[in-house]
Amino acid sequence: MKVKERDRESNSFVLLQSYPNAYKGIHAMQFFCVNLYRSVLNLLEERMKTEMIEEMVIVGGLVMVQFVYAGNSLLMSYLMSLGLGPFTIVIFSTFATFIILSPFAILFERKQWPNELSLRLIGKLVLISFAGVTLFQSLFLEGIRLTSPAMATAMPNLAPGLIFFIAWIVGLEKMNLKCVYSKLKILGTLLCVFGALAMSVMHSTSISHKEEDDTPIFVFDRDKVVGCIYLLGAVFVLSTNVVLQASTLAEFPAPISLSAITALLGVLITTVVLLLQNRKTKVLASSLISFGNLVGYSVLAGAVSGACVSFNGWAMKKRGPVFVSMFSPFATVISVAFAVLTLGESVSLGSVGGMVLMFVGLYLVLWAKGKEGFSEIESFESEFDSKKPLLS
């Protein structure tokens, strides 16, 4: 070894004496390569740190969004307990959402607006506004009033499975019964439906006993049954509306602008419906809440809703709709905890079982959707993939 080192040093000395510029060039190249290697390592370390921070922000933010959704359900339930009608809440909160989203739509999406609005596009916008604002929110709020915030936050977990079936019917999704992932999506959807039905039945049932022989009698709460029907109807409307939005975004590729426009149209449609039902005097019929407080609640709800929608959109762009949808059951768990701790509500074991069944079905649909999209990308057999926002 010592002989080899002496030979190498001798050769280097000869090279330095014979070709000094070449030797300096080789030495400079070695120095450059070492520094480049260290710079690449530093960049990789910084990128890993940035990705780790981004991952923490996304996960933490999505959990916070679910906290907000759960808190919003409780707030809506509280406002309706003060005497406010669902239509009143829809009008004020949706108008606040329009005011907050409009500047961002003009600032960031002005160039993406279509040059002219076709009659077909206008029809879609009106239909989305009526279904997504007037019909969905009215059914959802009425369902909250008749059941509970926990029940209301559990029902939307049905949406991914229903969206899959509706999208398949209209041709936006494909179903191959020979494919194991399609079968799993069908199974997951059925589990969601059975879980929702079980939760509805258990939530609407109370047990009383005969005084004579202490025989248990199952008694259905009519209001809770009607409330569950309202919630199921709201989820069906939401699922249909999501599919309609997905097709509309192809003609109107500006999601913030679409939300702002449909919010304004939804306010106008809801106001007309409210006036036709002769409920003008019920807008501020409650003496327990002032007009100023109502405006404050509406602005707060609009700001929070806009922030949640924006964050969900950013997270969806970074991680895809499947990842974002995986956090939706958190709102149900949080809402149940809030309801038990703050409102003193009781949750039956059957309701918890139905809730778990819904969660299993939801994750089964999302897992199969993600796997199916990955396999299709690998085989280049389909134009559909898991990045399309149908399951969001």
Protein backbone atom coordinates (compact mmCIF):
# COMPACT_ATOMS: atom_id res chain seq x y z
CA MET A 1 0.00 0.00 0.00
CA LYS A 2 2.80 2.38 0.88
CA VAL A 3 4.51 1.63 -2.46
CA LYS A 4 1.28 2.42 -4.36
CA GLU A 5 0.82 5.69 -2.44
CA ARG A 6 4.41 6.70 -3.20
CA ASP A 7 3.87 5.87 -6.90
CA ARG A 8 0.65 7.94 -6.97
CA GLU A 9 2.35 10.89 -5.29
CA SER A 10 5.28 10.56 -7.70
CA ASN A 11 2.95 10.50 -10.72
CA SER A 12 1.09 13.55 -9.40
CA PHE A 13 4.39 15.37 -8.92
CA VAL A 14 5.51 14.47 -12.46
CA LEU A 15 2.12 15.64 -13.83
CA LEU A 16 2.41 18.88 -11.89
CA GLN A 17 5.92 19.49 -13.24
CA SER A 18 5.09 18.53 -16.84
CA TYR A 19 1.55 19.85 -17.23
CA PRO A 20 0.87 22.40 -14.46
CA ASN A 21 -2.30 23.78 -16.09
CA ALA A 22 -3.77 20.31 -16.64
CA TYR A 23 -3.06 19.36 -13.04
CA LYS A 24 -4.72 22.53 -11.76
CA GLY A 25 -7.70 21.83 -14.02
CA ILE A 26 -8.11 18.31 -12.66
CA HIS A 27 -7.82 19.60 -9.09
CA ALA A 28 -10.42 22.29 -9.79
CA MET A 29 -12.74 19.68 -11.33
CA GLN A 30 -12.40 17.49 -8.23
CA PHE A 31 -13.16 20.49 -6.01
CA PHE A 32 -16.20 21.37 -8.17
CA CYS A 33 -17.57 17.81 -8.05
CA VAL A 34 -17.23 17.64 -4.26
CA ASN A 35 -19.01 20.98 -3.83
CA LEU A 36 -21.72 19.95 -6.31
CA TYR A 37 -22.29 16.71 -4.41
CA ARG A 38 -22.59 18.60 -1.13
CA SER A 39 -24.96 21.14 -2.69
CA VAL A 40 -27.20 18.36 -4.04
CA LEU A 41 -27.28 16.73 -0.61
CA ASN A 42 -28.22 20.05 1.00
CA LEU A 43 -30.97 20.63 -1.57
CA LEU A 44 -32.36 17.13 -1.01
CA GLU A 45 -32.36 17.68 2.75
CA GLU A 46 -34.13 21.04 2.36
CA ARG A 47 -36.67 19.50 -0.02
CA MET A 48 -37.37 16.65 2.38
CA LYS A 49 -37.87 19.16 5.19
CA THR A 50 -40.18 21.25 2.98
CA GLU A 51 -42.22 18.19 1.95
CA MET A 52 -42.45 17.07 5.58
CA ILE A 53 -43.68 20.51 6.65
CA GLU A 54 -46.14 20.58 3.73
CA GLU A 55 -47.44 17.12 4.67
CA MET A 56 -47.93 18.25 8.28
CA VAL A 57 -49.75 21.39 7.11
CA ILE A 58 -52.05 19.38 4.80
CA VAL A 59 -52.91 16.73 7.39
CA GLY A 60 -53.32 19.24 10.22
CA GLY A 61 -55.36 21.57 8.01
CA LEU A 62 -57.71 18.82 6.85
CA VAL A 63 -58.33 17.77 10.45
CA MET A 64 -59.05 21.41 11.35
CA VAL A 65 -61.47 21.66 8.42
CA GLN A 66 -63.40 18.71 9.85
CA PHE A 67 -63.46 20.46 13.25
CA VAL A 68 -64.94 23.50 11.51
CA TYR A 69 -67.57 21.41 9.70
CA ALA A 70 -68.57 19.73 12.97
CA GLY A 71 -68.73 23.09 14.75
CA ASN A 72 -70.77 24.55 11.90
CA SER A 73 -73.38 21.79 12.29
CA LEU A 74 -73.64 22.55 16.01
CA LEU A 75 -73.91 26.29 15.32
CA MET A 76 -76.67 25.76 12.75
CA SER A 77 -78.53 23.53 15.21
CA TYR A 78 -78.20 26.23 17.89
CA LEU A 79 -79.43 29.02 15.58
CA MET A 80 -82.47 26.98 14.56
CA SER A 81 -83.21 26.27 18.23
CA LEU A 82 -83.48 30.07 18.65
CA GLY A 83 -86.27 30.15 16.07
CA LEU A 84 -84.46 30.89 12.83
CA GLY A 85 -85.79 29.02 9.80
CA PRO A 86 -83.53 27.03 7.45
CA PHE A 87 -84.29 29.35 4.50
CA THR A 88 -83.21 32.39 6.51
CA ILE A 89 -79.87 30.81 7.39
CA VAL A 90 -79.34 29.70 3.78
CA ILE A 91 -79.99 33.22 2.42
CA PHE A 92 -77.71 35.08 4.83
CA SER A 93 -74.82 32.59 4.94
CA THR A 94 -74.81 31.98 1.16
CA PHE A 95 -74.89 35.70 0.38
CA ALA A 96 -71.91 36.17 2.72
CA THR A 97 -70.10 33.40 0.84
CA PHE A 98 -70.78 35.21 -2.45
CA ILE A 99 -69.40 38.51 -1.11
CA ILE A 100 -66.23 36.83 0.18
CA LEU A 101 -65.52 34.68 -2.90
CA SER A 102 -66.28 37.31 -5.57
CA PRO A 103 -63.05 39.37 -5.20
CA PHE A 104 -60.91 36.21 -5.42
CA ALA A 105 -62.83 35.05 -8.49
CA ILE A 106 -62.28 38.39 -10.26
CA LEU A 107 -58.63 38.60 -9.19
CA PHE A 108 -57.48 35.07 -10.00
CA GLU A 109 -59.92 33.62 -12.55
CA ARG A 110 -60.98 36.52 -14.78
CA LYS A 111 -59.01 35.15 -17.75
CA GLN A 112 -60.62 31.71 -17.39
CA TRP A 113 -64.18 32.95 -17.84
CA PRO A 114 -65.85 31.92 -21.12
CA ASN A 115 -66.29 34.64 -23.73
CA GLU A 116 -70.03 34.00 -23.97
CA LEU A 117 -72.56 32.07 -21.93
CA SER A 118 -74.54 29.49 -23.86
CA LEU A 119 -78.13 28.68 -22.94
CA ARG A 120 -77.00 25.20 -21.90
CA LEU A 121 -74.35 26.59 -19.53
CA ILE A 122 -76.83 29.05 -18.00
CA GLY A 123 -79.25 26.17 -17.43
CA LYS A 124 -76.53 24.18 -15.68
CA LEU A 125 -75.62 27.15 -13.45
CA VAL A 126 -79.26 27.64 -12.44
CA LEU A 127 -79.69 23.91 -11.77
CA ILE A 128 -76.50 23.77 -9.67
CA SER A 129 -77.66 26.83 -7.72
CA PHE A 130 -81.11 25.42 -7.03
CA ALA A 131 -79.85 21.93 -6.15
CA GLY A 132 -76.65 22.88 -4.31
CA VAL A 133 -77.89 25.92 -2.39
CA THR A 134 -81.67 26.02 -2.07
CA LEU A 135 -82.55 22.33 -2.07
CA PHE A 136 -79.48 20.74 -0.47
CA GLN A 137 -78.95 23.27 2.32
CA SER A 138 -82.65 23.49 3.15
CA LEU A 139 -82.99 19.70 3.38
CA PHE A 140 -79.74 19.44 5.33
CA LEU A 141 -80.64 22.15 7.86
CA GLU A 142 -84.14 20.74 8.31
CA GLY A 143 -82.54 17.34 8.91
CA ILE A 144 -80.24 18.84 11.55
CA ARG A 145 -83.22 20.47 13.26
CA LEU A 146 -85.19 17.22 13.45
CA THR A 147 -82.31 14.85 14.29
CA SER A 148 -78.92 15.98 15.61
CA PRO A 149 -75.61 17.46 14.39
CA ALA A 150 -73.95 14.05 14.80
CA MET A 151 -76.47 12.43 12.48
CA ALA A 152 -76.12 15.27 9.99
CA THR A 153 -72.33 14.96 9.75
CA ALA A 154 -72.53 11.17 9.37
CA MET A 155 -74.88 11.12 6.38
CA PRO A 156 -72.55 12.89 3.86
CA ASN A 157 -70.22 9.88 4.09
CA LEU A 158 -72.73 8.24 1.73
CA ALA A 159 -71.82 10.72 -0.99
CA PRO A 160 -68.73 9.03 -2.57
CA GLY A 161 -70.62 5.80 -3.22
CA LEU A 162 -73.68 7.60 -4.59
CA ILE A 163 -71.47 9.82 -6.76
CA PHE A 164 -69.87 6.68 -8.19
CA PHE A 165 -73.26 5.21 -9.18
CA ILE A 166 -74.65 8.48 -10.56
CA ALA A 167 -71.44 9.14 -12.53
CA TRP A 168 -71.61 5.59 -13.91
CA ILE A 169 -75.22 6.11 -15.01
CA VAL A 170 -74.39 9.33 -16.90
CA GLY A 171 -71.18 7.88 -18.37
CA LEU A 172 -68.56 9.80 -16.36
CA GLU A 173 -67.40 6.63 -14.58
CA LYS A 174 -66.89 3.13 -15.91
CA MET A 175 -67.84 -0.10 -14.19
CA ASN A 176 -66.42 -3.48 -15.12
CA LEU A 177 -68.04 -6.29 -13.15
CA LYS A 178 -65.07 -8.52 -13.98
CA CYS A 179 -62.74 -6.07 -12.22
CA VAL A 180 -62.25 -6.68 -8.51
CA TYR A 181 -62.04 -2.95 -7.78
CA SER A 182 -65.45 -2.28 -9.36
CA LYS A 183 -66.91 -5.05 -7.19
CA LEU A 184 -65.29 -3.51 -4.10
CA LYS A 185 -66.76 -0.10 -4.95
CA ILE A 186 -70.22 -1.66 -5.23
CA LEU A 187 -69.72 -3.49 -1.93
CA GLY A 188 -68.49 -0.31 -0.24
CA THR A 189 -71.49 1.64 -1.49
CA LEU A 190 -73.89 -1.03 -0.20
CA LEU A 191 -72.14 -0.97 3.19
CA CYS A 192 -72.56 2.81 3.30
CA VAL A 193 -76.26 2.51 2.50
CA PHE A 194 -76.87 -0.26 5.06
CA GLY A 195 -74.88 1.67 7.66
CA ALA A 196 -76.92 4.82 7.02
CA LEU A 197 -80.19 2.89 7.25
CA ALA A 198 -79.08 1.15 10.46
CA MET A 199 -77.99 4.44 11.97
CA SER A 200 -81.27 6.10 10.97
CA VAL A 201 -83.39 3.30 12.46
CA MET A 202 -81.42 3.14 15.72
CA HIS A 203 -81.34 6.93 16.04
CA SER A 204 -85.12 7.14 15.51
CA THR A 205 -86.02 4.32 17.90
CA SER A 206 -86.57 4.47 21.63
CA ILE A 207 -87.46 1.61 23.97
CA SER A 208 -90.33 1.74 26.44
CA HIS A 209 -91.70 -1.00 28.71
CA LYS A 210 -95.21 -2.22 29.44
CA GLU A 211 -96.13 -1.74 33.06
CA GLU A 212 -97.74 -5.20 33.24
CA ASP A 213 -95.05 -7.63 32.13
CA ASP A 214 -92.14 -5.25 31.53
CA THR A 215 -92.04 -6.24 27.85
CA PRO A 216 -89.87 -3.87 25.78
CA ILE A 217 -91.67 -1.94 23.05
CA PHE A 218 -89.80 -0.22 20.22
CA VAL A 219 -91.23 3.24 19.55
CA PHE A 220 -90.23 5.28 16.50
CA ASP A 221 -89.78 9.03 16.86
CA ARG A 222 -91.68 10.44 13.88
CA ASP A 223 -89.66 13.67 13.77
CA LYS A 224 -86.35 11.80 13.70
CA VAL A 225 -87.59 9.49 10.95
CA VAL A 226 -88.59 12.51 8.86
CA GLY A 227 -85.27 14.17 9.70
CA CYS A 228 -83.32 11.13 8.49
CA ILE A 229 -85.32 11.17 5.25
CA TYR A 230 -84.43 14.85 4.83
CA LEU A 231 -80.74 14.06 5.34
CA LEU A 232 -80.81 11.14 2.90
CA GLY A 233 -82.50 13.39 0.35
CA ALA A 234 -79.87 16.08 0.95
CA VAL A 235 -77.02 13.62 0.36
CA PHE A 236 -78.64 12.37 -2.86
CA VAL A 237 -79.03 15.97 -4.08
CA LEU A 238 -75.41 16.71 -3.12
CA SER A 239 -74.12 13.65 -4.99
CA THR A 240 -76.06 14.57 -8.13
CA ASN A 241 -74.87 18.15 -7.86
CA VAL A 242 -71.20 17.12 -7.62
CA VAL A 243 -71.50 15.13 -10.86
CA LEU A 244 -73.20 18.10 -12.53
CA GLN A 245 -70.43 20.43 -11.31
CA ALA A 246 -67.78 18.08 -12.71
CA SER A 247 -69.34 18.30 -16.18
CA THR A 248 -69.90 22.07 -15.89
CA LEU A 249 -66.25 22.77 -15.02
CA ALA A 250 -65.29 21.48 -18.47
CA GLU A 251 -67.19 24.44 -19.98
CA PHE A 252 -66.51 26.88 -17.12
CA PRO A 253 -63.00 26.06 -15.79
CA ALA A 254 -63.08 28.52 -12.88
CA PRO A 255 -64.11 26.78 -9.63
CA ILE A 256 -64.08 29.88 -7.39
CA SER A 257 -66.12 31.85 -9.92
CA LEU A 258 -68.52 28.93 -10.28
CA SER A 259 -69.01 28.84 -6.50
CA ALA A 260 -69.58 32.62 -6.35
CA ILE A 261 -72.09 32.66 -9.23
CA THR A 262 -74.07 29.68 -7.96
CA ALA A 263 -74.09 31.23 -4.46
CA LEU A 264 -75.65 34.45 -5.79
CA LEU A 265 -78.18 32.58 -7.94
CA GLY A 266 -78.92 30.31 -4.98
CA VAL A 267 -79.68 33.33 -2.78
CA LEU A 268 -82.09 34.73 -5.38
CA ILE A 269 -83.85 31.38 -5.87
CA THR A 270 -84.10 30.75 -2.12
CA THR A 271 -85.51 34.25 -1.56
CA VAL A 272 -88.17 33.65 -4.21
CA VAL A 273 -89.08 30.30 -2.63
CA LEU A 274 -89.29 31.95 0.80
CA LEU A 275 -91.57 34.70 -0.49
CA LEU A 276 -93.79 32.21 -2.33
CA GLN A 277 -94.25 30.30 0.91
CA ASN A 278 -95.43 33.53 2.60
CA ARG A 279 -92.75 33.42 5.25
CA LYS A 280 -91.64 37.04 5.06
CA THR A 281 -92.42 37.61 8.73
CA LYS A 282 -90.34 34.62 9.81
CA VAL A 283 -87.02 36.02 8.65
CA LEU A 284 -86.48 37.72 12.02
CA ALA A 285 -89.34 36.11 13.94
CA SER A 286 -87.01 35.06 16.72
CA SER A 287 -86.69 37.62 19.51
CA LEU A 288 -83.68 35.73 20.88
CA ILE A 289 -81.33 36.91 18.14
CA SER A 290 -80.84 40.41 16.75
CA PHE A 291 -80.31 41.39 13.12
CA GLY A 292 -76.72 42.40 13.89
CA ASN A 293 -75.92 39.03 15.42
CA LEU A 294 -77.52 37.28 12.46
CA VAL A 295 -75.33 39.26 10.04
CA GLY A 296 -72.27 38.51 12.19
CA TYR A 297 -73.00 34.78 12.23
CA SER A 298 -73.58 34.82 8.46
CA VAL A 299 -70.32 36.64 7.67
CA LEU A 300 -68.43 34.29 9.98
CA ALA A 301 -70.04 31.24 8.36
CA GLY A 302 -69.31 32.60 4.88
CA ALA A 303 -65.66 33.36 5.69
CA VAL A 304 -65.09 30.00 7.32
CA SER A 305 -66.85 28.18 4.48
CA GLY A 306 -64.76 30.01 1.88
CA ALA A 307 -61.54 29.25 3.75
CA CYS A 308 -62.42 25.56 4.07
CA VAL A 309 -63.35 25.27 0.40
CA SER A 310 -60.10 26.99 -0.63
CA PHE A 311 -57.95 24.81 1.63
CA ASN A 312 -59.69 21.65 0.44
CA GLY A 313 -59.07 22.71 -3.15
CA TRP A 314 -55.37 23.31 -2.46
CA ALA A 315 -55.03 19.98 -0.62
CA MET A 316 -56.87 18.22 -3.44
CA LYS A 317 -54.45 19.71 -5.96
CA LYS A 318 -51.49 18.51 -3.88
CA ARG A 319 -52.70 15.05 -2.81
CA GLY A 320 -55.80 14.28 -4.88
CA PRO A 321 -59.51 13.92 -3.97
CA VAL A 322 -59.15 10.43 -2.49
CA PHE A 323 -56.72 11.65 0.18
CA VAL A 324 -58.96 14.61 1.06
CA SER A 325 -62.10 12.42 1.25
CA MET A 326 -60.42 10.10 3.75
CA PHE A 327 -60.75 12.80 6.43
CA SER A 328 -64.54 13.24 6.15
CA PRO A 329 -65.40 10.73 8.94
CA PHE A 330 -63.44 12.91 11.39
CA ALA A 331 -66.27 15.46 11.33
CA THR A 332 -68.74 12.79 12.44
CA VAL A 333 -66.57 11.63 15.33
CA ILE A 334 -65.89 15.23 16.40
CA SER A 335 -69.57 16.15 16.14
CA VAL A 336 -70.59 13.14 18.25
CA ALA A 337 -68.01 14.10 20.89
CA PHE A 338 -69.22 17.74 20.89
CA ALA A 339 -72.87 16.67 21.11
CA VAL A 340 -72.21 14.34 24.04
CA LEU A 341 -69.99 16.79 25.95
CA THR A 342 -71.79 20.09 25.29
CA LEU A 343 -75.41 19.22 24.48
CA GLY A 344 -75.72 16.15 26.71
CA GLU A 345 -76.98 13.94 23.89
CA SER A 346 -76.79 10.17 24.17
CA VAL A 347 -75.53 7.93 21.37
CA SER A 348 -76.81 4.35 21.17
CA LEU A 349 -74.58 1.38 20.43
CA GLY A 350 -76.61 0.63 17.30
CA SER A 351 -76.00 4.13 15.96
CA VAL A 352 -72.27 3.72 16.55
CA GLY A 353 -72.39 0.36 14.73
CA GLY A 354 -74.14 1.93 11.74
CA MET A 355 -71.60 4.75 11.77
CA VAL A 356 -68.69 2.29 11.73
CA LEU A 357 -70.35 0.38 8.87
CA MET A 358 -70.57 3.62 6.89
CA PHE A 359 -66.89 4.39 7.55
CA VAL A 360 -65.83 0.92 6.40
CA GLY A 361 -67.88 1.30 3.22
CA LEU A 362 -66.49 4.79 2.59
CA TYR A 363 -62.85 3.74 2.91
CA LEU A 364 -63.52 0.64 0.79
CA VAL A 365 -64.89 2.82 -2.03
CA LEU A 366 -61.99 5.28 -1.76
CA TRP A 367 -59.35 2.53 -1.61
CA ALA A 368 -60.84 0.71 -4.62
CA LYS A 369 -61.11 4.00 -6.53
CA GLY A 370 -57.45 4.81 -5.87
CA LYS A 371 -56.24 1.31 -6.77
CA GLU A 372 -58.38 1.20 -9.91
CA GLY A 373 -57.02 4.53 -11.09
CA PHE A 374 -53.43 3.39 -10.45
CA SER A 375 -53.87 0.14 -12.38
CA GLU A 376 -55.49 1.99 -15.28
CA ILE A 377 -52.59 4.43 -15.50
CA GLU A 378 -50.13 1.53 -15.58
CA SER A 379 -51.94 -0.33 -18.37
CA PHE A 380 -52.92 2.78 -20.41
CA GLU A 381 -56.39 1.29 -20.88
CA SER A 382 -58.59 4.14 -19.69
CA GLU A 383 -58.76 7.90 -19.69
CA PHE A 384 -60.25 7.94 -16.17
CA ASP A 385 -57.97 8.22 -13.17
CA SER A 386 -58.15 8.89 -9.42
CA LYS A 387 -57.15 12.54 -9.86
CA LYS A 388 -60.52 13.55 -11.31
CA PRO A 389 -62.57 15.41 -8.69
CA LEU A 390 -65.67 13.20 -8.74
CA LEU A 391 -65.12 11.75 -5.25
CA SER A 392 -64.35 15.00 -3.50
